[in-house]
Amino acid sequence: MAAGKEIRGKIKSVENTKKITKAMEMVAASKMRKAQDRMRAARPYADKVRAIASNLAQANPEYVHPFMVAPETVSRRVGYIVVSTDKGLCGGLNTNVLRTFTNKLREHEAAGVKADVVAIGNKALGFMNRIGAKVVAQATQLGDTPHLERLIGPVKVLLDAYTAGQLDAVHIVYTRFINTMKQEPVVEQLLPLTADRLSARGQHQWEYIYEPDAQTVIDDLLVRYVEALIYQAVAENMASEQSARMVAMKAATDNAGNVITELKLVYNKTRQAAITKELSEIVAGAAAV
């Protein structure tokens, strides 16, 4: 029964793995609900800031913020903020978003445009180091809750470079949350701010009283607006991460159950064959006597 003992050991090992994946699935489901609530709670703020920024841009046309216009000089360099996860075991989430970034990077390289990268998450940072991308800043170990103060520093490197005319555009690559079963990688342009991002939803024109002055208010507001966009992207990526991990762990648990069923079938067949062989030997011995 050496083979039977070996199969029993495999069954026990797979059962232990199944317990782990089941626990991870339940933890991810709990974190997924919190991440989705956090993501949805951030959307009204981003929408309100977008409306105010749009109204200010239309109400004070004599001053145009650098974020709203393309740089005068072409630097042949762009900036990318790549958002990934710190941990794995979340299916193809990171693979898809990094593949999307790689495709865009190849397009820029073919056009002779270089890229500066801000990596958010351990997976993005490790990938950038492997492909030799120029990483100008990074933010890792964000935990389960995104904190804006952890993101401002790395992102400000690209914002300052764009304001100084060193970058032609700034893009963000992240995974957008659609629903629990579907998440899609997207590439969005942050700077210069496009018309659709600053499109006013209402038809009314607002007049504002600026204190201390229009330039100061618009400067601070647009910086906060870009920060809100980045925070929203990170929040959506975290919600996508927990959803993908829950689905992946559920699939792993189901697969472990199937493997256990198959191993038990093989074990029973092996055990029955061994019993049949012993009975045949006993009968053959009795007949010989």
C-alpha atoms as a PDB file:
ATOM      1  CA  MET A   1       0.000   0.000   0.000  1.00  0.00           C
ATOM      2  CA  ALA A   2       2.929   2.339  -0.600  1.00  0.00           C
ATOM      3  CA  ALA A   3       1.032   3.942  -3.477  1.00  0.00           C
ATOM      4  CA  GLY A   4      -2.104   4.261  -1.343  1.00  0.00           C
ATOM      5  CA  LYS A   5      -0.137   5.943   1.448  1.00  0.00           C
ATOM      6  CA  GLU A   6       1.330   8.384  -1.056  1.00  0.00           C
ATOM      7  CA  ILE A   7      -2.105   9.234  -2.414  1.00  0.00           C
ATOM      8  CA  ARG A   8      -3.447   9.791   1.121  1.00  0.00           C
ATOM      9  CA  GLY A   9      -0.605  12.235   1.703  1.00  0.00           C
ATOM     10  CA  LYS A  10      -1.498  14.131  -1.473  1.00  0.00           C
ATOM     11  CA  ILE A  11      -5.155  14.284  -0.450  1.00  0.00           C
ATOM     12  CA  LYS A  12      -4.215  15.693   2.947  1.00  0.00           C
ATOM     13  CA  SER A  13      -1.950  18.287   1.342  1.00  0.00           C
ATOM     14  CA  VAL A  14      -4.631  19.452  -1.090  1.00  0.00           C
ATOM     15  CA  GLU A  15      -7.196  19.606   1.726  1.00  0.00           C
ATOM     16  CA  ASN A  16      -4.890  21.911   3.679  1.00  0.00           C
ATOM     17  CA  THR A  17      -4.435  24.093   0.602  1.00  0.00           C
ATOM     18  CA  LYS A  18      -8.207  24.207   0.146  1.00  0.00           C
ATOM     19  CA  LYS A  19      -8.651  25.463   3.708  1.00  0.00           C
ATOM     20  CA  ILE A  20      -6.147  28.256   3.073  1.00  0.00           C
ATOM     21  CA  THR A  21      -7.699  29.369  -0.214  1.00  0.00           C
ATOM     22  CA  LYS A  22     -11.181  29.290   1.336  1.00  0.00           C
ATOM     23  CA  ALA A  23     -10.018  31.511   4.189  1.00  0.00           C
ATOM     24  CA  MET A  24      -8.342  33.901   1.751  1.00  0.00           C
ATOM     25  CA  GLU A  25     -11.544  34.030  -0.304  1.00  0.00           C
ATOM     26  CA  MET A  26     -13.580  35.038   2.753  1.00  0.00           C
ATOM     27  CA  VAL A  27     -11.038  37.671   3.798  1.00  0.00           C
ATOM     28  CA  ALA A  28     -10.961  39.119   0.278  1.00  0.00           C
ATOM     29  CA  ALA A  29     -14.780  39.234   0.203  1.00  0.00           C
ATOM     30  CA  SER A  30     -14.809  41.223   3.441  1.00  0.00           C
ATOM     31  CA  LYS A  31     -12.132  43.634   2.224  1.00  0.00           C
ATOM     32  CA  MET A  32     -13.824  43.915  -1.170  1.00  0.00           C
ATOM     33  CA  ARG A  33     -16.992  45.375   0.342  1.00  0.00           C
ATOM     34  CA  LYS A  34     -15.016  47.978   2.268  1.00  0.00           C
ATOM     35  CA  ALA A  35     -12.920  48.855  -0.771  1.00  0.00           C
ATOM     36  CA  GLN A  36     -16.019  49.255  -2.938  1.00  0.00           C
ATOM     37  CA  ASP A  37     -17.675  51.508  -0.346  1.00  0.00           C
ATOM     38  CA  ARG A  38     -14.503  53.606  -0.147  1.00  0.00           C
ATOM     39  CA  MET A  39     -14.322  53.873  -3.928  1.00  0.00           C
ATOM     40  CA  ARG A  40     -17.971  54.904  -4.258  1.00  0.00           C
ATOM     41  CA  ALA A  41     -17.620  57.412  -1.425  1.00  0.00           C
ATOM     42  CA  ALA A  42     -14.778  59.171  -3.263  1.00  0.00           C
ATOM     43  CA  ARG A  43     -16.727  59.602  -6.509  1.00  0.00           C
ATOM     44  CA  PRO A  44     -19.046  62.465  -5.382  1.00  0.00           C
ATOM     45  CA  TYR A  45     -16.028  64.518  -4.268  1.00  0.00           C
ATOM     46  CA  ALA A  46     -14.283  64.042  -7.601  1.00  0.00           C
ATOM     47  CA  ASP A  47     -17.483  64.934  -9.476  1.00  0.00           C
ATOM     48  CA  LYS A  48     -17.975  68.104  -7.426  1.00  0.00           C
ATOM     49  CA  VAL A  49     -14.386  69.236  -7.880  1.00  0.00           C
ATOM     50  CA  ARG A  50     -14.713  68.551 -11.618  1.00  0.00           C
ATOM     51  CA  ALA A  51     -17.822  70.756 -11.805  1.00  0.00           C
ATOM     52  CA  ILE A  52     -16.168  73.593  -9.876  1.00  0.00           C
ATOM     53  CA  ALA A  53     -12.978  73.374 -11.956  1.00  0.00           C
ATOM     54  CA  SER A  54     -15.052  73.481 -15.144  1.00  0.00           C
ATOM     55  CA  ASN A  55     -17.018  76.520 -13.978  1.00  0.00           C
ATOM     56  CA  LEU A  56     -13.846  78.336 -12.916  1.00  0.00           C
ATOM     57  CA  ALA A  57     -12.163  77.573 -16.235  1.00  0.00           C
ATOM     58  CA  GLN A  58     -15.091  79.092 -18.095  1.00  0.00           C
ATOM     59  CA  ALA A  59     -15.705  81.967 -15.706  1.00  0.00           C
ATOM     60  CA  ASN A  60     -12.142  83.314 -15.791  1.00  0.00           C
ATOM     61  CA  PRO A  61     -10.820  82.828 -19.345  1.00  0.00           C
ATOM     62  CA  GLU A  62      -8.137  85.508 -19.009  1.00  0.00           C
ATOM     63  CA  TYR A  63      -6.082  83.186 -16.803  1.00  0.00           C
ATOM     64  CA  VAL A  64      -5.225  79.705 -18.082  1.00  0.00           C
ATOM     65  CA  HIS A  65      -3.549  77.254 -15.738  1.00  0.00           C
ATOM     66  CA  PRO A  66      -0.513  75.333 -17.106  1.00  0.00           C
ATOM     67  CA  PHE A  67      -2.390  72.066 -16.495  1.00  0.00           C
ATOM     68  CA  MET A  68      -4.990  73.082 -19.097  1.00  0.00           C
ATOM     69  CA  VAL A  69      -2.632  73.814 -21.991  1.00  0.00           C
ATOM     70  CA  ALA A  70       0.068  71.767 -23.688  1.00  0.00           C
ATOM     71  CA  PRO A  71       3.681  72.879 -23.099  1.00  0.00           C
ATOM     72  CA  GLU A  72       5.050  75.364 -25.612  1.00  0.00           C
ATOM     73  CA  THR A  73       8.208  73.333 -26.199  1.00  0.00           C
ATOM     74  CA  VAL A  74       8.073  69.691 -27.278  1.00  0.00           C
ATOM     75  CA  SER A  75      10.319  67.649 -24.963  1.00  0.00           C
ATOM     76  CA  ARG A  76       9.577  64.260 -26.567  1.00  0.00           C
ATOM     77  CA  ARG A  77       9.037  62.858 -23.091  1.00  0.00           C
ATOM     78  CA  VAL A  78       5.862  61.775 -21.297  1.00  0.00           C
ATOM     79  CA  GLY A  79       5.064  60.740 -17.761  1.00  0.00           C
ATOM     80  CA  TYR A  80       3.200  57.646 -16.602  1.00  0.00           C
ATOM     81  CA  ILE A  81       1.660  56.814 -13.238  1.00  0.00           C
ATOM     82  CA  VAL A  82       1.282  53.020 -13.141  1.00  0.00           C
ATOM     83  CA  VAL A  83      -0.975  51.696 -10.382  1.00  0.00           C
ATOM     84  CA  SER A  84      -0.652  48.045  -9.350  1.00  0.00           C
ATOM     85  CA  THR A  85      -1.009  45.964  -6.204  1.00  0.00           C
ATOM     86  CA  ASP A  86       1.503  45.266  -3.455  1.00  0.00           C
ATOM     87  CA  LYS A  87       0.543  41.592  -3.210  1.00  0.00           C
ATOM     88  CA  GLY A  88      -0.198  38.847  -5.683  1.00  0.00           C
ATOM     89  CA  LEU A  89      -2.770  36.034  -5.819  1.00  0.00           C
ATOM     90  CA  CYS A  90      -5.267  38.273  -7.614  1.00  0.00           C
ATOM     91  CA  GLY A  91      -5.492  36.524 -10.972  1.00  0.00           C
ATOM     92  CA  GLY A  92      -4.375  38.410 -14.060  1.00  0.00           C
ATOM     93  CA  LEU A  93      -5.051  41.882 -12.620  1.00  0.00           C
ATOM     94  CA  ASN A  94      -1.445  43.088 -12.584  1.00  0.00           C
ATOM     95  CA  THR A  95      -0.547  41.230 -15.765  1.00  0.00           C
ATOM     96  CA  ASN A  96      -3.290  42.978 -17.711  1.00  0.00           C
ATOM     97  CA  VAL A  97      -2.492  46.489 -16.491  1.00  0.00           C
ATOM     98  CA  LEU A  98       1.248  46.046 -17.023  1.00  0.00           C
ATOM     99  CA  ARG A  99       0.647  44.631 -20.499  1.00  0.00           C
ATOM    100  CA  THR A 100      -1.444  47.709 -21.317  1.00  0.00           C
ATOM    101  CA  PHE A 101       1.368  49.967 -20.123  1.00  0.00           C
ATOM    102  CA  THR A 102       3.940  47.986 -22.114  1.00  0.00           C
ATOM    103  CA  ASN A 103       1.925  48.413 -25.312  1.00  0.00           C
ATOM    104  CA  LYS A 104       1.740  52.181 -24.802  1.00  0.00           C
ATOM    105  CA  LEU A 105       5.447  52.281 -23.986  1.00  0.00           C
ATOM    106  CA  ARG A 106       6.290  50.493 -27.242  1.00  0.00           C
ATOM    107  CA  GLU A 107       4.189  52.984 -29.185  1.00  0.00           C
ATOM    108  CA  HIS A 108       6.101  55.875 -27.622  1.00  0.00           C
ATOM    109  CA  GLU A 109       9.454  54.227 -28.243  1.00  0.00           C
ATOM    110  CA  ALA A 110       8.534  53.692 -31.880  1.00  0.00           C
ATOM    111  CA  ALA A 111       7.753  57.410 -32.131  1.00  0.00           C
ATOM    112  CA  GLY A 112      11.002  58.382 -30.381  1.00  0.00           C
ATOM    113  CA  VAL A 113       9.290  59.501 -27.170  1.00  0.00           C
ATOM    114  CA  LYS A 114      10.791  58.565 -23.809  1.00  0.00           C
ATOM    115  CA  ALA A 115       8.820  57.914 -20.622  1.00  0.00           C
ATOM    116  CA  ASP A 116       9.257  58.763 -16.947  1.00  0.00           C
ATOM    117  CA  VAL A 117       7.371  56.418 -14.629  1.00  0.00           C
ATOM    118  CA  VAL A 118       5.925  56.734 -11.136  1.00  0.00           C
ATOM    119  CA  ALA A 119       5.311  53.210  -9.812  1.00  0.00           C
ATOM    120  CA  ILE A 120       2.527  52.721  -7.279  1.00  0.00           C
ATOM    121  CA  GLY A 121       2.615  49.207  -5.817  1.00  0.00           C
ATOM    122  CA  ASN A 122       5.327  46.577  -5.472  1.00  0.00           C
ATOM    123  CA  LYS A 123       4.295  44.719  -8.617  1.00  0.00           C
ATOM    124  CA  ALA A 124       4.650  47.824 -10.802  1.00  0.00           C
ATOM    125  CA  LEU A 125       7.991  48.738  -9.230  1.00  0.00           C
ATOM    126  CA  GLY A 126       9.417  45.253  -9.736  1.00  0.00           C
ATOM    127  CA  PHE A 127       8.211  45.166 -13.337  1.00  0.00           C
ATOM    128  CA  MET A 128       9.727  48.581 -14.135  1.00  0.00           C
ATOM    129  CA  ASN A 129      13.066  47.493 -12.710  1.00  0.00           C
ATOM    130  CA  ARG A 130      13.008  44.327 -14.827  1.00  0.00           C
ATOM    131  CA  ILE A 131      12.327  46.125 -18.107  1.00  0.00           C
ATOM    132  CA  GLY A 132      14.725  48.974 -17.315  1.00  0.00           C
ATOM    133  CA  ALA A 133      12.145  51.779 -17.295  1.00  0.00           C
ATOM    134  CA  LYS A 134      13.102  55.138 -15.789  1.00  0.00           C
ATOM    135  CA  VAL A 135      11.373  55.249 -12.387  1.00  0.00           C
ATOM    136  CA  VAL A 136      11.438  58.797 -11.005  1.00  0.00           C
ATOM    137  CA  ALA A 137       9.337  58.068  -7.886  1.00  0.00           C
ATOM    138  CA  GLN A 138       7.537  55.217  -6.192  1.00  0.00           C
ATOM    139  CA  ALA A 139       4.902  54.481  -3.564  1.00  0.00           C
ATOM    140  CA  THR A 140       4.644  50.987  -2.110  1.00  0.00           C
ATOM    141  CA  GLN A 141       3.104  49.246   0.904  1.00  0.00           C
ATOM    142  CA  LEU A 142      -0.051  51.354   0.779  1.00  0.00           C
ATOM    143  CA  GLY A 143      -2.041  48.792   2.754  1.00  0.00           C
ATOM    144  CA  ASP A 144      -5.746  48.181   2.305  1.00  0.00           C
ATOM    145  CA  THR A 145      -6.670  51.864   2.582  1.00  0.00           C
ATOM    146  CA  PRO A 146      -5.226  54.504   0.209  1.00  0.00           C
ATOM    147  CA  HIS A 147      -3.882  57.615   1.899  1.00  0.00           C
ATOM    148  CA  LEU A 148      -3.578  60.763  -0.178  1.00  0.00           C
ATOM    149  CA  GLU A 149      -0.540  61.998   1.727  1.00  0.00           C
ATOM    150  CA  ARG A 150       1.356  58.868   0.628  1.00  0.00           C
ATOM    151  CA  LEU A 151       0.527  59.592  -3.025  1.00  0.00           C
ATOM    152  CA  ILE A 152       1.107  63.350  -3.213  1.00  0.00           C
ATOM    153  CA  GLY A 153       4.913  63.208  -2.967  1.00  0.00           C
ATOM    154  CA  PRO A 154       5.621  60.742  -5.803  1.00  0.00           C
ATOM    155  CA  VAL A 155       2.968  62.235  -8.093  1.00  0.00           C
ATOM    156  CA  LYS A 156       4.207  65.799  -7.507  1.00  0.00           C
ATOM    157  CA  VAL A 157       7.431  64.867  -9.273  1.00  0.00           C
ATOM    158  CA  LEU A 158       5.563  64.456 -12.568  1.00  0.00           C
ATOM    159  CA  LEU A 159       3.282  67.459 -11.972  1.00  0.00           C
ATOM    160  CA  ASP A 160       6.271  69.739 -11.378  1.00  0.00           C
ATOM    161  CA  ALA A 161       8.053  68.327 -14.430  1.00  0.00           C
ATOM    162  CA  TYR A 162       5.002  69.022 -16.577  1.00  0.00           C
ATOM    163  CA  THR A 163       4.659  72.566 -15.246  1.00  0.00           C
ATOM    164  CA  ALA A 164       8.341  73.161 -16.024  1.00  0.00           C
ATOM    165  CA  GLY A 165       7.815  71.997 -19.611  1.00  0.00           C
ATOM    166  CA  GLN A 166       9.889  68.832 -19.241  1.00  0.00           C
ATOM    167  CA  LEU A 167       6.961  66.548 -20.115  1.00  0.00           C
ATOM    168  CA  ASP A 168       4.508  66.734 -23.002  1.00  0.00           C
ATOM    169  CA  ALA A 169       1.757  64.835 -21.169  1.00  0.00           C
ATOM    170  CA  VAL A 170       1.054  62.791 -18.044  1.00  0.00           C
ATOM    171  CA  HIS A 171      -0.980  59.570 -18.162  1.00  0.00           C
ATOM    172  CA  ILE A 172      -2.253  57.230 -15.476  1.00  0.00           C
ATOM    173  CA  VAL A 173      -2.620  53.459 -15.928  1.00  0.00           C
ATOM    174  CA  TYR A 174      -4.828  51.563 -13.514  1.00  0.00           C
ATOM    175  CA  THR A 175      -7.564  48.932 -13.311  1.00  0.00           C
ATOM    176  CA  ARG A 176     -11.080  50.347 -13.419  1.00  0.00           C
ATOM    177  CA  PHE A 177     -13.680  48.576 -11.314  1.00  0.00           C
ATOM    178  CA  ILE A 178     -16.724  47.554 -13.370  1.00  0.00           C
ATOM    179  CA  ASN A 179     -18.283  44.923 -11.116  1.00  0.00           C
ATOM    180  CA  THR A 180     -17.186  42.025  -8.954  1.00  0.00           C
ATOM    181  CA  MET A 181     -16.565  39.771 -11.935  1.00  0.00           C
ATOM    182  CA  LYS A 182     -15.135  42.323 -14.355  1.00  0.00           C
ATOM    183  CA  GLN A 183     -12.276  44.812 -14.099  1.00  0.00           C
ATOM    184  CA  GLU A 184     -10.583  46.443 -17.061  1.00  0.00           C
ATOM    185  CA  PRO A 185      -7.155  48.125 -17.413  1.00  0.00           C
ATOM    186  CA  VAL A 186      -7.374  51.700 -18.687  1.00  0.00           C
ATOM    187  CA  VAL A 187      -4.969  54.456 -19.700  1.00  0.00           C
ATOM    188  CA  GLU A 188      -6.206  57.983 -19.020  1.00  0.00           C
ATOM    189  CA  GLN A 189      -4.571  61.305 -19.759  1.00  0.00           C
ATOM    190  CA  LEU A 190      -4.163  63.459 -16.669  1.00  0.00           C
ATOM    191  CA  LEU A 191      -2.300  66.401 -18.141  1.00  0.00           C
ATOM    192  CA  PRO A 192      -3.074  68.482 -20.028  1.00  0.00           C
ATOM    193  CA  LEU A 193      -6.635  68.338 -18.731  1.00  0.00           C
ATOM    194  CA  THR A 194      -8.864  67.425 -21.630  1.00  0.00           C
ATOM    195  CA  ALA A 195     -12.195  69.022 -22.448  1.00  0.00           C
ATOM    196  CA  ASP A 196     -14.203  65.921 -21.529  1.00  0.00           C
ATOM    197  CA  ARG A 197     -12.678  65.826 -18.061  1.00  0.00           C
ATOM    198  CA  LEU A 198     -13.558  69.473 -17.445  1.00  0.00           C
ATOM    199  CA  SER A 199     -16.953  69.332 -19.126  1.00  0.00           C
ATOM    200  CA  ALA A 200     -19.661  70.899 -17.023  1.00  0.00           C
ATOM    201  CA  ARG A 201     -22.689  68.738 -16.468  1.00  0.00           C
ATOM    202  CA  GLY A 202     -25.063  71.638 -16.011  1.00  0.00           C
ATOM    203  CA  GLN A 203     -25.969  74.431 -18.392  1.00  0.00           C
ATOM    204  CA  HIS A 204     -25.660  77.231 -15.834  1.00  0.00           C
ATOM    205  CA  GLN A 205     -22.708  79.581 -15.720  1.00  0.00           C
ATOM    206  CA  TRP A 206     -21.444  80.473 -12.278  1.00  0.00           C
ATOM    207  CA  GLU A 207     -19.774  83.664 -11.189  1.00  0.00           C
ATOM    208  CA  TYR A 208     -17.305  83.444  -8.334  1.00  0.00           C
ATOM    209  CA  ILE A 209     -15.732  85.932  -5.970  1.00  0.00           C
ATOM    210  CA  TYR A 210     -12.054  84.991  -5.633  1.00  0.00           C
ATOM    211  CA  GLU A 211     -10.153  85.398  -2.397  1.00  0.00           C
ATOM    212  CA  PRO A 212      -7.297  86.270  -2.460  1.00  0.00           C
ATOM    213  CA  ASP A 213      -7.257  86.198  -6.310  1.00  0.00           C
ATOM    214  CA  ALA A 214      -8.346  84.045  -9.242  1.00  0.00           C
ATOM    215  CA  GLN A 215      -4.880  82.697 -10.052  1.00  0.00           C
ATOM    216  CA  THR A 216      -4.269  81.417  -6.518  1.00  0.00           C
ATOM    217  CA  VAL A 217      -7.683  79.791  -6.282  1.00  0.00           C
ATOM    218  CA  ILE A 218      -7.495  78.106  -9.691  1.00  0.00           C
ATOM    219  CA  ASP A 219      -3.915  76.934  -9.108  1.00  0.00           C
ATOM    220  CA  ASP A 220      -4.777  75.237  -5.821  1.00  0.00           C
ATOM    221  CA  LEU A 221      -8.072  73.859  -7.101  1.00  0.00           C
ATOM    222  CA  LEU A 222      -6.623  72.184 -10.193  1.00  0.00           C
ATOM    223  CA  VAL A 223      -3.830  70.610  -8.152  1.00  0.00           C
ATOM    224  CA  ARG A 224      -6.441  69.217  -5.760  1.00  0.00           C
ATOM    225  CA  TYR A 225      -8.479  68.065  -8.738  1.00  0.00           C
ATOM    226  CA  VAL A 226      -5.587  66.084 -10.217  1.00  0.00           C
ATOM    227  CA  GLU A 227      -4.846  64.610  -6.786  1.00  0.00           C
ATOM    228  CA  ALA A 228      -8.502  63.573  -6.494  1.00  0.00           C
ATOM    229  CA  LEU A 229      -8.291  61.823  -9.876  1.00  0.00           C
ATOM    230  CA  ILE A 230      -5.219  59.898  -8.753  1.00  0.00           C
ATOM    231  CA  TYR A 231      -6.789  58.965  -5.411  1.00  0.00           C
ATOM    232  CA  GLN A 232      -9.900  57.737  -7.229  1.00  0.00           C
ATOM    233  CA  ALA A 233      -7.749  55.627  -9.562  1.00  0.00           C
ATOM    234  CA  VAL A 234      -5.923  54.034  -6.613  1.00  0.00           C
ATOM    235  CA  ALA A 235      -9.221  53.399  -4.798  1.00  0.00           C
ATOM    236  CA  GLU A 236     -10.699  51.721  -7.889  1.00  0.00           C
ATOM    237  CA  ASN A 237      -7.544  49.628  -8.305  1.00  0.00           C
ATOM    238  CA  MET A 238      -7.804  48.433  -4.691  1.00  0.00           C
ATOM    239  CA  ALA A 239     -11.466  47.514  -5.138  1.00  0.00           C
ATOM    240  CA  SER A 240     -10.527  45.635  -8.310  1.00  0.00           C
ATOM    241  CA  GLU A 241      -7.701  43.872  -6.451  1.00  0.00           C
ATOM    242  CA  GLN A 242      -9.940  42.493  -3.716  1.00  0.00           C
ATOM    243  CA  SER A 243     -12.609  41.438  -6.226  1.00  0.00           C
ATOM    244  CA  ALA A 244     -10.047  39.689  -8.421  1.00  0.00           C
ATOM    245  CA  ARG A 245      -8.468  37.996  -5.402  1.00  0.00           C
ATOM    246  CA  MET A 246     -11.838  36.758  -4.164  1.00  0.00           C
ATOM    247  CA  VAL A 247     -12.664  35.303  -7.591  1.00  0.00           C
ATOM    248  CA  ALA A 248      -9.193  33.760  -7.930  1.00  0.00           C
ATOM    249  CA  MET A 249      -9.327  32.170  -4.476  1.00  0.00           C
ATOM    250  CA  LYS A 250     -12.832  30.822  -5.133  1.00  0.00           C
ATOM    251  CA  ALA A 251     -11.578  29.240  -8.355  1.00  0.00           C
ATOM    252  CA  ALA A 252      -8.595  27.792  -6.475  1.00  0.00           C
ATOM    253  CA  THR A 253     -10.901  26.364  -3.795  1.00  0.00           C
ATOM    254  CA  ASP A 254     -13.152  24.772  -6.422  1.00  0.00           C
ATOM    255  CA  ASN A 255     -10.155  23.330  -8.260  1.00  0.00           C
ATOM    256  CA  ALA A 256      -8.793  21.899  -5.014  1.00  0.00           C
ATOM    257  CA  GLY A 257     -12.139  20.213  -4.407  1.00  0.00           C
ATOM    258  CA  ASN A 258     -12.024  18.669  -7.881  1.00  0.00           C
ATOM    259  CA  VAL A 259      -8.463  17.440  -7.319  1.00  0.00           C
ATOM    260  CA  ILE A 260      -9.471  15.879  -3.995  1.00  0.00           C
ATOM    261  CA  THR A 261     -12.371  14.069  -5.668  1.00  0.00           C
ATOM    262  CA  GLU A 262     -10.087  12.708  -8.385  1.00  0.00           C
ATOM    263  CA  LEU A 263      -7.429  11.629  -5.879  1.00  0.00           C
ATOM    264  CA  LYS A 264     -10.014   9.833  -3.741  1.00  0.00           C
ATOM    265  CA  LEU A 265     -11.239   8.005  -6.828  1.00  0.00           C
ATOM    266  CA  VAL A 266      -7.687   6.960  -7.691  1.00  0.00           C
ATOM    267  CA  TYR A 267      -7.087   5.912  -4.064  1.00  0.00           C
ATOM    268  CA  ASN A 268     -10.227   3.790  -3.963  1.00  0.00           C
ATOM    269  CA  LYS A 269      -9.329   2.120  -7.274  1.00  0.00           C
ATOM    270  CA  THR A 270      -5.802   1.407  -6.038  1.00  0.00           C
ATOM    271  CA  ARG A 271      -7.099   0.040  -2.736  1.00  0.00           C
ATOM    272  CA  GLN A 272      -9.663  -2.142  -4.492  1.00  0.00           C
ATOM    273  CA  ALA A 273      -7.004  -3.459  -6.866  1.00  0.00           C
ATOM    274  CA  ALA A 274      -4.757  -4.350  -3.941  1.00  0.00           C
ATOM    275  CA  ILE A 275      -7.606  -6.167  -2.147  1.00  0.00           C
ATOM    276  CA  THR A 276      -8.546  -8.042  -5.315  1.00  0.00           C
ATOM    277  CA  LYS A 277      -4.927  -9.098  -5.802  1.00  0.00           C
ATOM    278  CA  GLU A 278      -4.670 -10.405  -2.225  1.00  0.00           C
ATOM    279  CA  LEU A 279      -7.918 -12.337  -2.576  1.00  0.00           C
ATOM    280  CA  SER A 280      -6.684 -13.842  -5.855  1.00  0.00           C
ATOM    281  CA  GLU A 281      -3.448 -14.955  -4.184  1.00  0.00           C
ATOM    282  CA  ILE A 282      -5.382 -16.534  -1.284  1.00  0.00           C
ATOM    283  CA  VAL A 283      -7.708 -18.387  -3.637  1.00  0.00           C
ATOM    284  CA  ALA A 284      -4.804 -19.560  -5.782  1.00  0.00           C
ATOM    285  CA  GLY A 285      -2.962 -20.812  -2.683  1.00  0.00           C
ATOM    286  CA  ALA A 286      -6.010 -22.654  -1.382  1.00  0.00           C
ATOM    287  CA  ALA A 287      -6.554 -24.288  -4.754  1.00  0.00           C
ATOM    288  CA  ALA A 288      -2.935 -25.438  -4.866  1.00  0.00           C
ATOM    289  CA  VAL A 289      -3.262 -27.089  -1.445  1.00  0.00           C
END
